N, C-alpha and C. Protein backbone atom coordinates (compact mmCIF):
# COMPACT_ATOMS: atom_id res chain seq x y z
N MET A 1 -11.71 -12.15 -10.68
CA MET A 1 -12.29 -13.26 -10.60
C MET A 1 -13.38 -13.53 -10.33
N LEU A 2 -14.08 -12.45 -9.15
CA LEU A 2 -15.19 -12.52 -8.60
C LEU A 2 -16.10 -11.84 -9.82
N GLU A 3 -15.70 -10.59 -10.48
CA GLU A 3 -16.11 -9.83 -11.52
C GLU A 3 -16.50 -10.70 -12.67
N SER A 4 -15.52 -11.56 -12.94
CA SER A 4 -15.74 -12.50 -14.25
C SER A 4 -16.77 -13.71 -14.20
N GLY A 5 -16.82 -13.73 -12.74
CA GLY A 5 -17.95 -15.17 -12.45
C GLY A 5 -17.21 -16.33 -12.07
N GLU A 6 -16.00 -16.15 -12.32
CA GLU A 6 -15.24 -17.54 -11.94
C GLU A 6 -15.30 -18.40 -10.75
N TYR A 7 -15.76 -16.91 -9.84
CA TYR A 7 -16.06 -17.63 -8.66
C TYR A 7 -17.27 -16.50 -8.27
N GLY A 8 -18.33 -17.38 -7.27
CA GLY A 8 -19.64 -16.82 -7.14
C GLY A 8 -19.35 -15.84 -5.66
N THR A 9 -18.50 -16.38 -4.66
CA THR A 9 -18.68 -15.91 -3.36
C THR A 9 -17.13 -15.58 -3.02
N LEU A 10 -16.98 -14.49 -2.07
CA LEU A 10 -15.77 -14.53 -1.39
C LEU A 10 -15.10 -15.78 -0.96
N ALA A 11 -16.04 -16.58 -0.09
CA ALA A 11 -15.80 -17.91 0.37
C ALA A 11 -15.04 -18.56 -0.63
N GLU A 12 -15.81 -19.05 -1.81
CA GLU A 12 -14.96 -19.72 -2.56
C GLU A 12 -13.81 -19.26 -3.46
N LEU A 13 -13.69 -17.83 -3.47
CA LEU A 13 -12.59 -17.24 -3.85
C LEU A 13 -11.20 -17.53 -2.97
N ALA A 14 -11.54 -17.27 -1.74
CA ALA A 14 -10.36 -17.48 -0.40
C ALA A 14 -10.16 -19.02 -0.70
N ALA A 15 -10.99 -19.90 -0.89
CA ALA A 15 -10.34 -21.23 -0.73
C ALA A 15 -9.84 -21.66 -1.76
N ALA A 16 -10.31 -21.22 -2.91
CA ALA A 16 -9.46 -21.52 -4.23
C ALA A 16 -7.87 -20.83 -4.07
N GLU A 17 -7.92 -19.62 -3.47
CA GLU A 17 -6.57 -19.18 -3.36
C GLU A 17 -5.65 -19.33 -2.13
N ARG A 18 -6.40 -20.24 -1.46
CA ARG A 18 -5.78 -20.87 -0.14
C ARG A 18 -5.58 -19.65 1.01
N ILE A 19 -6.26 -18.69 0.95
CA ILE A 19 -6.11 -17.52 1.63
C ILE A 19 -7.52 -17.38 3.12
N SER A 20 -7.55 -16.46 3.72
CA SER A 20 -8.63 -16.51 4.87
C SER A 20 -9.85 -15.59 4.13
N ARG A 21 -10.87 -15.77 4.18
CA ARG A 21 -12.06 -14.87 3.65
C ARG A 21 -11.70 -13.51 4.43
N SER A 22 -11.61 -13.41 5.57
CA SER A 22 -11.30 -12.22 6.12
C SER A 22 -10.08 -11.21 5.22
N TYR A 23 -9.35 -12.08 4.79
CA TYR A 23 -8.16 -11.25 4.27
C TYR A 23 -8.88 -11.16 3.07
N VAL A 24 -9.38 -11.65 2.14
CA VAL A 24 -10.04 -11.29 0.82
C VAL A 24 -10.90 -10.13 1.19
N CYS A 25 -11.86 -10.06 2.24
CA CYS A 25 -12.75 -8.99 2.43
C CYS A 25 -11.79 -7.74 2.46
N ARG A 26 -10.96 -7.63 3.47
CA ARG A 26 -10.10 -6.56 3.62
C ARG A 26 -9.21 -6.01 2.20
N VAL A 27 -8.67 -6.65 1.54
CA VAL A 27 -8.03 -6.25 0.33
C VAL A 27 -8.79 -6.04 -0.77
N LEU A 28 -10.35 -6.44 -0.64
CA LEU A 28 -11.16 -6.23 -1.57
C LEU A 28 -11.56 -5.03 -1.69
N ARG A 29 -11.91 -4.46 -0.26
CA ARG A 29 -12.12 -2.87 -0.04
C ARG A 29 -11.42 -1.91 -0.63
N LEU A 30 -10.12 -2.43 -0.87
CA LEU A 30 -8.74 -1.38 -1.63
C LEU A 30 -9.57 -0.87 -2.80
N THR A 31 -10.47 -1.89 -3.66
CA THR A 31 -11.07 -1.47 -4.82
C THR A 31 -11.52 0.03 -4.88
N LEU A 32 -11.89 0.51 -3.25
CA LEU A 32 -12.90 1.61 -3.12
C LEU A 32 -11.79 2.83 -3.08
N LEU A 33 -10.54 2.42 -2.86
CA LEU A 33 -9.88 3.85 -3.16
C LEU A 33 -9.72 4.71 -4.32
N ALA A 34 -9.58 5.86 -3.76
CA ALA A 34 -9.57 7.03 -4.71
C ALA A 34 -8.11 6.45 -5.77
N PRO A 35 -8.63 6.69 -6.91
CA PRO A 35 -7.59 6.62 -8.05
C PRO A 35 -6.16 7.19 -7.84
N ASP A 36 -6.09 8.20 -7.44
CA ASP A 36 -4.56 8.90 -7.15
C ASP A 36 -4.08 8.45 -5.81
N ILE A 37 -4.75 7.85 -4.96
CA ILE A 37 -4.30 6.90 -3.91
C ILE A 37 -3.69 5.93 -4.52
N VAL A 38 -4.14 5.21 -5.31
CA VAL A 38 -3.76 3.78 -5.85
C VAL A 38 -2.64 3.97 -6.32
N GLU A 39 -2.42 4.96 -7.21
CA GLU A 39 -1.16 5.58 -8.04
C GLU A 39 -0.05 5.61 -6.96
N ARG A 40 -0.06 6.29 -5.79
CA ARG A 40 0.57 6.79 -5.15
C ARG A 40 1.46 5.59 -4.66
N PHE A 41 0.71 4.34 -4.43
CA PHE A 41 1.40 3.33 -4.05
C PHE A 41 2.14 2.67 -5.18
N ARG A 42 1.36 2.55 -6.22
CA ARG A 42 1.89 1.92 -7.59
C ARG A 42 3.29 2.75 -7.87
N ASP A 43 3.34 3.97 -7.57
CA ASP A 43 4.49 4.40 -7.89
C ASP A 43 5.38 4.70 -7.04
N GLY A 44 5.24 4.17 -5.94
CA GLY A 44 6.09 3.80 -4.86
C GLY A 44 6.40 5.31 -3.97
N ARG A 45 5.43 6.42 -4.26
CA ARG A 45 5.21 7.89 -3.56
C ARG A 45 5.23 7.54 -2.12
N PRO A 46 5.56 8.22 -1.43
CA PRO A 46 5.09 8.39 0.33
C PRO A 46 3.82 8.29 0.47
N SER A 47 3.34 7.83 1.10
CA SER A 47 1.97 7.39 1.47
C SER A 47 1.80 7.22 3.08
N ALA A 48 0.48 6.94 3.49
CA ALA A 48 0.16 6.58 4.72
C ALA A 48 0.43 5.16 4.70
N GLY A 49 0.95 4.35 3.89
CA GLY A 49 0.95 2.85 3.81
C GLY A 49 -0.38 1.83 3.65
N LEU A 50 0.06 1.02 2.89
CA LEU A 50 -0.73 0.05 2.97
C LEU A 50 -1.47 -0.42 4.02
N ALA A 51 -0.66 -0.75 4.88
CA ALA A 51 -1.50 -1.24 6.41
C ALA A 51 -2.61 -0.28 6.56
N GLU A 52 -2.27 1.12 6.94
CA GLU A 52 -3.28 2.22 7.07
C GLU A 52 -4.42 1.97 6.35
N CYS A 53 -4.44 1.64 5.15
CA CYS A 53 -5.28 1.34 4.04
C CYS A 53 -6.46 -0.05 4.24
N LEU A 54 -5.87 -0.58 5.15
CA LEU A 54 -6.63 -1.94 5.41
C LEU A 54 -7.40 -1.61 6.60
N LYS A 55 -7.12 -0.59 7.53
CA LYS A 55 -8.33 -0.24 8.45
C LYS A 55 -9.66 0.49 7.84
N PRO A 56 -10.54 0.38 8.17
CA PRO A 56 -11.85 0.91 8.27
C PRO A 56 -11.39 2.56 7.46
N PHE A 57 -12.25 2.69 6.09
CA PHE A 57 -12.10 4.11 5.53
C PHE A 57 -13.24 4.64 5.00
N SER A 58 -13.33 5.95 4.91
CA SER A 58 -14.71 6.23 4.10
C SER A 58 -15.01 5.89 2.68
N VAL A 59 -15.44 5.76 1.91
CA VAL A 59 -15.61 5.62 0.85
C VAL A 59 -15.63 6.73 -0.31
N GLU A 60 -15.97 7.94 0.47
CA GLU A 60 -15.73 9.25 -0.11
C GLU A 60 -14.42 9.45 -0.46
N TRP A 61 -13.78 9.72 -1.80
CA TRP A 61 -12.39 10.00 -1.88
C TRP A 61 -11.94 11.02 -1.29
N GLU A 62 -12.88 12.38 -1.21
CA GLU A 62 -12.01 13.56 -0.69
C GLU A 62 -11.79 13.06 0.59
N ARG A 63 -12.82 12.37 1.32
CA ARG A 63 -12.24 11.95 2.85
C ARG A 63 -10.94 11.20 2.99
N GLN A 64 -10.93 10.19 2.11
CA GLN A 64 -9.86 9.11 1.98
C GLN A 64 -8.49 10.27 1.80
N ARG A 65 -8.68 11.10 1.15
CA ARG A 65 -7.46 12.24 0.64
C ARG A 65 -7.20 12.85 2.19
N ASP A 66 -8.02 13.22 2.60
CA ASP A 66 -7.96 14.21 4.04
C ASP A 66 -7.00 13.22 5.15
N ARG A 67 -7.24 12.09 5.34
CA ARG A 67 -6.79 11.20 6.02
C ARG A 67 -5.58 10.95 6.15
């Protein structure tokens, strides 16, 4: 929705979806996860857990995998 231009800011998106801006920010960071980590979640394979990924993490994919 941000990429398409439907909403110009995180605040607008949060208001439209009736969720907090801080939650939008945390979830948006998940777009920086390495593709293989995303696939693990999608496929239901064992992983550290989504809650762990909501904590600060490196944007470098190799460091994400090490964690």
